[in-house]
Protein backbone atom coordinates (compact mmCIF):
# COMPACT_ATOMS: atom_id res chain seq x y z
CA UNK A 1 152.14 67.38 62.45
CA UNK A 2 149.72 66.62 65.13
CA UNK A 3 150.81 68.99 67.76
CA UNK A 4 150.40 71.82 64.89
CA UNK A 5 146.62 70.88 63.73
CA UNK A 6 145.69 70.58 67.80
CA UNK A 7 147.25 74.24 67.81
CA UNK A 8 145.19 75.19 65.22
CA UNK A 9 141.90 73.65 66.33
CA UNK A 10 142.56 75.67 70.20
CA UNK A 11 143.20 78.65 68.11
CA UNK A 12 139.74 78.25 66.36
CA UNK A 13 137.98 78.01 69.41
CA UNK A 14 139.88 81.24 70.80
CA UNK A 15 138.60 83.02 67.60
CA UNK A 16 135.53 81.91 68.06
CA UNK A 17 134.76 82.53 71.95
CA UNK A 18 136.08 85.88 71.58
CA UNK A 19 134.26 86.81 68.20
CA UNK A 20 130.71 85.46 69.31
CA UNK A 21 130.96 87.87 72.34
CA UNK A 22 132.05 91.06 70.13
CA UNK A 23 129.61 90.08 67.33
CA UNK A 24 126.62 89.63 69.60
CA UNK A 25 127.50 92.51 72.19
CA UNK A 26 127.46 94.65 68.91
CA UNK A 27 124.00 93.43 67.21
CA UNK A 28 122.29 93.60 70.98
CA UNK A 29 123.59 97.79 70.85
CA UNK A 30 122.05 97.80 67.70
CA UNK A 31 118.61 96.33 68.11
CA UNK A 32 118.00 98.58 71.54
CA UNK A 33 119.68 101.99 69.70
CA UNK A 34 117.14 100.99 66.26
CA UNK A 35 114.52 100.01 68.38
CA UNK A 36 114.06 97.04 66.31
CA UNK A 37 112.93 93.57 68.10
CA UNK A 38 115.96 91.20 69.17
CA UNK A 39 114.22 88.16 67.52
CA UNK A 40 114.55 90.29 64.44
CA UNK A 41 118.21 90.85 64.84
CA UNK A 42 118.68 87.19 65.58
CA UNK A 43 117.02 85.62 62.68
CA UNK A 44 118.79 87.86 60.36
CA UNK A 45 122.12 89.37 60.97
CA UNK A 46 123.17 87.18 63.39
CA UNK A 47 121.43 84.19 61.55
CA UNK A 48 123.23 84.56 58.47
CA UNK A 49 126.54 86.05 59.85
CA UNK A 50 126.92 82.39 61.80
CA UNK A 51 125.74 80.57 58.65
CA UNK A 52 128.65 82.05 56.76
CA UNK A 53 130.82 79.08 57.24
CA UNK A 54 128.12 76.40 55.64
CA UNK A 55 127.57 78.84 52.66
CA UNK A 56 131.33 79.15 52.24
CA UNK A 57 131.96 75.26 52.09
CA UNK A 58 129.02 74.47 50.20
CA UNK A 59 129.34 77.18 47.55
CA UNK A 60 133.09 76.59 47.35
CA UNK A 61 132.16 72.82 47.03
CA UNK A 62 129.81 73.38 44.00
CA UNK A 63 132.33 76.02 42.46
CA UNK A 64 135.35 73.17 42.38
CA UNK A 65 132.39 70.66 41.36
CA UNK A 66 132.23 68.56 44.28
CA UNK A 67 128.49 69.76 45.44
CA UNK A 68 128.55 66.64 46.78
CA UNK A 69 129.11 68.01 50.54
CA UNK A 70 126.52 70.17 50.47
CA UNK A 71 123.33 68.17 51.92
CA UNK A 72 125.43 66.72 54.29
CA UNK A 73 126.99 69.89 55.74
CA UNK A 74 123.94 71.48 55.91
CA UNK A 75 121.80 68.81 57.37
CA UNK A 76 124.24 67.69 59.71
CA UNK A 77 124.61 71.59 60.48
CA UNK A 78 120.86 72.05 61.18
CA UNK A 79 120.72 68.66 63.77
CA UNK A 80 123.52 69.95 65.71
CA UNK A 81 122.02 73.37 65.76
CA UNK A 82 119.11 72.06 67.37
CA UNK A 83 120.13 68.86 69.35
CA UNK A 84 123.46 69.81 70.67
CA UNK A 85 123.35 73.73 70.48
CA UNK A 86 119.80 74.59 72.11
CA UNK A 87 120.54 71.13 73.86
CA UNK A 88 123.69 73.25 75.86
CA UNK A 89 122.17 76.72 75.77
CA UNK A 90 118.59 75.05 77.78
CA UNK A 91 121.09 73.24 80.34
CA UNK A 92 122.50 76.37 80.80
CA UNK A 93 119.77 78.05 80.81
CA UNK A 94 115.85 78.67 80.08
CA UNK A 95 115.33 79.97 76.83
CA UNK A 96 112.09 82.16 76.14
CA UNK A 97 110.76 81.26 73.04
CA UNK A 98 108.84 84.38 71.30
CA UNK A 99 105.12 83.82 70.27
CA UNK A 100 106.54 84.10 66.30
CA UNK A 101 109.15 81.75 66.92
CA UNK A 102 106.59 78.85 68.33
CA UNK A 103 103.53 80.07 65.72
CA UNK A 104 105.28 80.55 62.20
CA UNK A 105 109.29 80.29 62.21
CA UNK A 106 109.91 76.60 63.82
CA UNK A 107 107.40 75.46 61.68
CA UNK A 108 108.48 77.35 58.48
CA UNK A 109 111.98 75.93 59.46
CA UNK A 110 110.28 71.69 59.39
CA UNK A 111 108.06 72.63 56.16
CA UNK A 112 111.37 73.67 53.96
CA UNK A 113 113.20 70.68 55.64
CA UNK A 114 110.56 68.15 54.78
CA UNK A 115 110.33 70.08 51.27
CA UNK A 116 113.92 69.21 50.69
CA UNK A 117 113.57 65.48 51.85
CA UNK A 118 110.71 65.44 49.26
CA UNK A 119 113.41 67.03 46.38
CA UNK A 120 115.99 64.65 47.63
CA UNK A 121 113.11 61.17 47.11
CA UNK A 122 111.95 62.22 44.20
CA UNK A 123 115.36 63.04 42.19
CA UNK A 124 118.19 62.11 44.46
CA UNK A 125 119.26 65.55 43.49
CA UNK A 126 118.16 69.51 44.12
CA UNK A 127 118.09 71.25 40.64
CA UNK A 128 118.19 74.55 39.33
CA UNK A 129 114.20 75.00 39.15
CA UNK A 130 113.72 73.36 42.69
CA UNK A 131 116.81 75.89 43.86
CA UNK A 132 114.63 78.51 42.39
CA UNK A 133 112.10 77.37 44.43
CA UNK A 134 114.40 78.04 47.53
CA UNK A 135 115.19 81.32 46.60
CA UNK A 136 111.75 82.67 46.28
CA UNK A 137 110.42 81.10 49.95
CA UNK A 138 113.67 82.59 50.98
CA UNK A 139 112.53 86.27 49.68
CA UNK A 140 109.35 85.52 51.40
CA UNK A 141 110.71 84.47 54.69
CA UNK A 142 112.80 87.78 54.32
CA UNK A 143 109.44 89.82 53.71
CA UNK A 144 107.92 87.95 56.56
CA UNK A 145 110.69 89.41 58.74
CA UNK A 146 110.67 92.91 57.05
CA UNK A 147 106.93 92.57 58.35
CA UNK A 148 107.89 91.61 61.97
CA UNK A 149 110.71 94.64 62.15
CA UNK A 150 108.04 96.97 61.35
CA UNK A 151 105.54 96.33 63.72
CA UNK A 152 107.99 95.84 66.64
CA UNK A 153 106.11 94.38 68.95
CA UNK A 154 108.79 92.23 70.56
CA UNK A 155 108.90 93.88 74.39
CA UNK A 156 111.55 91.83 75.27
CA UNK A 157 114.47 93.94 76.89
CA UNK A 158 117.83 92.95 77.75
CA UNK A 159 120.77 94.54 79.29
CA UNK A 160 123.07 96.18 76.24
CA UNK A 161 125.95 98.30 76.30
CA UNK A 162 125.12 101.71 75.21
CA UNK A 163 128.03 101.66 72.58
CA UNK A 164 128.14 104.57 69.60
CA UNK A 165 127.18 102.80 66.20
CA UNK A 166 130.36 102.87 64.84
CA UNK A 167 131.79 100.91 67.55
CA UNK A 168 128.72 99.04 67.51
CA UNK A 169 129.29 98.13 63.80
CA UNK A 170 133.11 97.66 64.25
CA UNK A 171 132.61 94.77 67.05
CA UNK A 172 130.27 93.03 64.68
CA UNK A 173 132.32 93.28 61.39
CA UNK A 174 135.58 92.29 63.58
CA UNK A 175 133.36 89.39 65.77
CA UNK A 176 132.09 88.26 62.26
CA UNK A 177 135.37 87.72 61.09
CA UNK A 178 136.90 86.22 64.28
CA UNK A 179 134.12 83.78 64.30
CA UNK A 180 134.11 82.66 60.46
CA UNK A 181 138.10 82.35 60.64
CA UNK A 182 137.78 80.31 63.77
CA UNK A 183 135.72 78.04 62.36
CA UNK A 184 137.78 77.54 59.26
CA UNK A 185 140.67 76.76 61.55
CA UNK A 186 138.48 74.90 63.98
CA UNK A 187 137.11 72.58 60.70
CA UNK A 188 141.04 72.17 59.16
CA UNK A 189 142.26 70.89 62.50
CA UNK A 190 139.66 68.61 63.57
CA UNK A 191 139.42 67.30 60.22
CA UNK A 192 142.92 66.51 59.90
CA UNK A 193 143.12 64.94 63.89
CA UNK A 194 140.15 62.57 62.77
CA UNK A 195 141.90 61.53 59.22
CA UNK A 196 145.12 60.77 61.45
CA UNK A 197 142.79 58.18 63.91
CA UNK A 198 141.20 56.22 60.57
CA UNK A 199 137.63 58.34 60.45
CA UNK A 200 135.29 58.09 57.54
CA UNK A 201 134.74 60.95 55.26
CA UNK A 202 130.80 60.93 55.65
CA UNK A 203 131.66 60.46 59.16
CA UNK A 204 133.67 63.42 59.43
CA UNK A 205 131.37 65.36 57.05
CA UNK A 206 128.25 64.59 59.12
CA UNK A 207 129.76 65.04 62.25
CA UNK A 208 133.19 66.99 62.75
CA UNK A 209 132.66 69.44 59.83
CA UNK A 210 128.65 70.11 60.72
CA UNK A 211 129.79 71.12 64.35
CA UNK A 212 132.80 72.76 63.15
CA UNK A 213 130.57 75.06 60.93
CA UNK A 214 127.75 74.69 63.61
CA UNK A 215 130.10 76.28 66.45
CA UNK A 216 129.81 79.96 65.19
CA UNK A 217 125.99 79.16 66.33
CA UNK A 218 127.16 77.22 69.58
CA UNK A 219 129.06 79.89 71.05
CA UNK A 220 126.93 82.99 69.79
CA UNK A 221 123.99 81.40 71.31
CA UNK A 222 125.67 80.37 74.71
CA UNK A 223 127.00 83.22 74.96
CA UNK A 224 123.70 85.24 73.98
CA UNK A 225 121.83 83.20 76.66
CA UNK A 226 124.45 83.60 79.43
CA UNK A 227 123.91 87.67 78.82
CA UNK A 228 120.25 87.45 78.81
CA UNK A 229 119.70 87.90 74.97
CA UNK A 230 117.46 85.03 74.56
CA UNK A 231 115.84 86.32 71.75
CA UNK A 232 119.32 86.00 69.69
CA UNK A 233 119.62 83.00 71.20
CA UNK A 234 117.02 80.98 70.34
CA UNK A 235 116.45 83.19 66.87
CA UNK A 236 120.25 82.54 65.96
CA UNK A 237 119.55 79.10 65.56
CA UNK A 238 115.85 78.94 63.90
CA UNK A 239 117.02 81.41 61.39
CA UNK A 240 120.47 79.67 60.89
CA UNK A 241 118.65 76.72 60.17
CA UNK A 242 116.34 78.09 57.56
CA UNK A 243 118.85 80.20 55.94
CA UNK A 244 121.28 77.12 55.54
CA UNK A 245 118.17 75.14 53.38
CA UNK A 246 117.07 78.31 51.68
CA UNK A 247 119.84 80.17 50.94
CA UNK A 248 123.07 77.71 51.11
CA UNK A 249 121.22 74.92 49.47
CA UNK A 250 119.10 77.24 46.89
CA UNK A 251 122.30 79.01 46.00
CA UNK A 252 124.39 76.23 45.61
CA UNK A 253 121.33 74.50 42.99
CA UNK A 254 121.81 77.47 41.41
CA UNK A 255 125.62 77.16 40.26
CA UNK A 256 124.65 73.16 39.97
CA UNK A 257 123.08 70.25 40.46
CA UNK A 258 123.44 69.12 44.32
CA UNK A 259 123.48 65.25 44.30
CA UNK A 260 120.93 63.57 47.21
CA UNK A 261 122.41 60.56 48.19
CA UNK A 262 120.15 57.79 49.30
CA UNK A 263 121.84 57.47 52.64
CA UNK A 264 121.11 61.45 53.32
CA UNK A 265 117.48 60.45 53.81
CA UNK A 266 117.44 59.10 57.03
CA UNK A 267 119.45 62.20 58.37
CA UNK A 268 116.77 64.69 56.89
CA UNK A 269 114.31 62.80 58.48
CA UNK A 270 116.15 63.21 61.45
CA UNK A 271 116.44 66.84 60.83
CA UNK A 272 112.78 66.85 60.42
CA UNK A 273 111.96 65.17 63.63
CA UNK A 274 114.61 68.27 65.20
CA UNK A 275 111.79 71.16 64.31
CA UNK A 276 109.18 68.76 65.77
CA UNK A 277 110.65 68.26 69.04
CA UNK A 278 111.82 71.53 69.56
CA UNK A 279 108.17 72.66 68.81
CA UNK A 280 106.61 70.38 71.10
CA UNK A 281 109.30 70.76 73.88
CA UNK A 282 108.52 74.55 74.01
CA UNK A 283 104.53 74.42 73.36
CA UNK A 284 103.52 74.31 76.51
CA UNK A 285 105.82 76.36 78.74
CA UNK A 286 106.84 79.17 75.84
CA UNK A 287 110.36 78.63 76.76
CA UNK A 288 113.14 75.77 76.43
CA UNK A 289 113.88 74.27 79.51
CA UNK A 290 116.74 72.11 81.15
CA UNK A 291 114.75 68.84 80.80
CA UNK A 292 113.74 69.57 76.79
CA UNK A 293 117.77 70.30 76.72
CA UNK A 294 118.54 66.76 78.28
CA UNK A 295 116.09 65.19 76.03
CA UNK A 296 117.77 66.65 73.07
CA UNK A 297 121.29 65.82 74.04
CA UNK A 298 120.24 62.50 74.76
CA UNK A 299 119.03 62.28 71.13
CA UNK A 300 121.78 63.53 69.51
CA UNK A 301 123.91 60.79 71.41
CA UNK A 302 121.53 57.61 69.78
CA UNK A 303 122.29 59.96 66.49
CA UNK A 304 125.78 59.79 66.69
CA UNK A 305 125.86 56.00 67.59
CA UNK A 306 124.16 55.55 64.33
CA UNK A 307 126.17 57.01 62.28
CA UNK A 308 129.16 54.98 63.93
CA UNK A 309 127.42 52.09 62.96
CA UNK A 310 126.27 52.07 59.32
């Protein structure tokens, strides 16, 4: 049985790597053909596509009357997205930060995380009305992206294959399916292996399941950065975190009240600190460099040790 779970885990990683490769290739090609800034592609299509595992896990849990998993999944994923994914990406290569990301998107991500914290502290749950508030903010965010796309003032140019549109779309669809299914396999295999070794449900939720649902962002961002598509790399993470809170938690709250246990307060505070550290670390040089990436990875090690002790 353990051998089977290892095979499932490895299959998940294989699907993720190839799926992310095709997804980024398709997205970058479409951005180039349509004259859409790569930043916008990263903040919308790529971000939403790679956030689908979080959405699927949370919404399915809500339908099955088990919405308690939602906060841990989203908050854990958002922490991983910044500390681990951007940390690893920055160690591999310097990641350019667009001016709009620095001035608007990172602060917006931090503010909505604070709003989530306030919702959790005040009522120990995210209610239907608060879900509506998240959805209103999500629509405002989409409107902002639309304005950004219309301006088209992103001058970043990256290498992208001149594929026909149908092939770009096919690559994105197949790549997206492989990414999501690969994440499913990876989460399933890793969770069973963790349970075999007697790890707690909370620990599994905040680390392994969160990592599993964040694997698409990890592989997509590292792949994008290595290809030179840094607009997709950083935009993907920021967009995914915004999408996770506003769409995933917002939609789940519209289905049923989402319980916010007191133990998640510290986790959400750490998620807020992630945004602050990212902003401070990129403000001076307008890019995410290796030293900041190392600091982020060390921060996650400290957080992981905290989870092991509580």
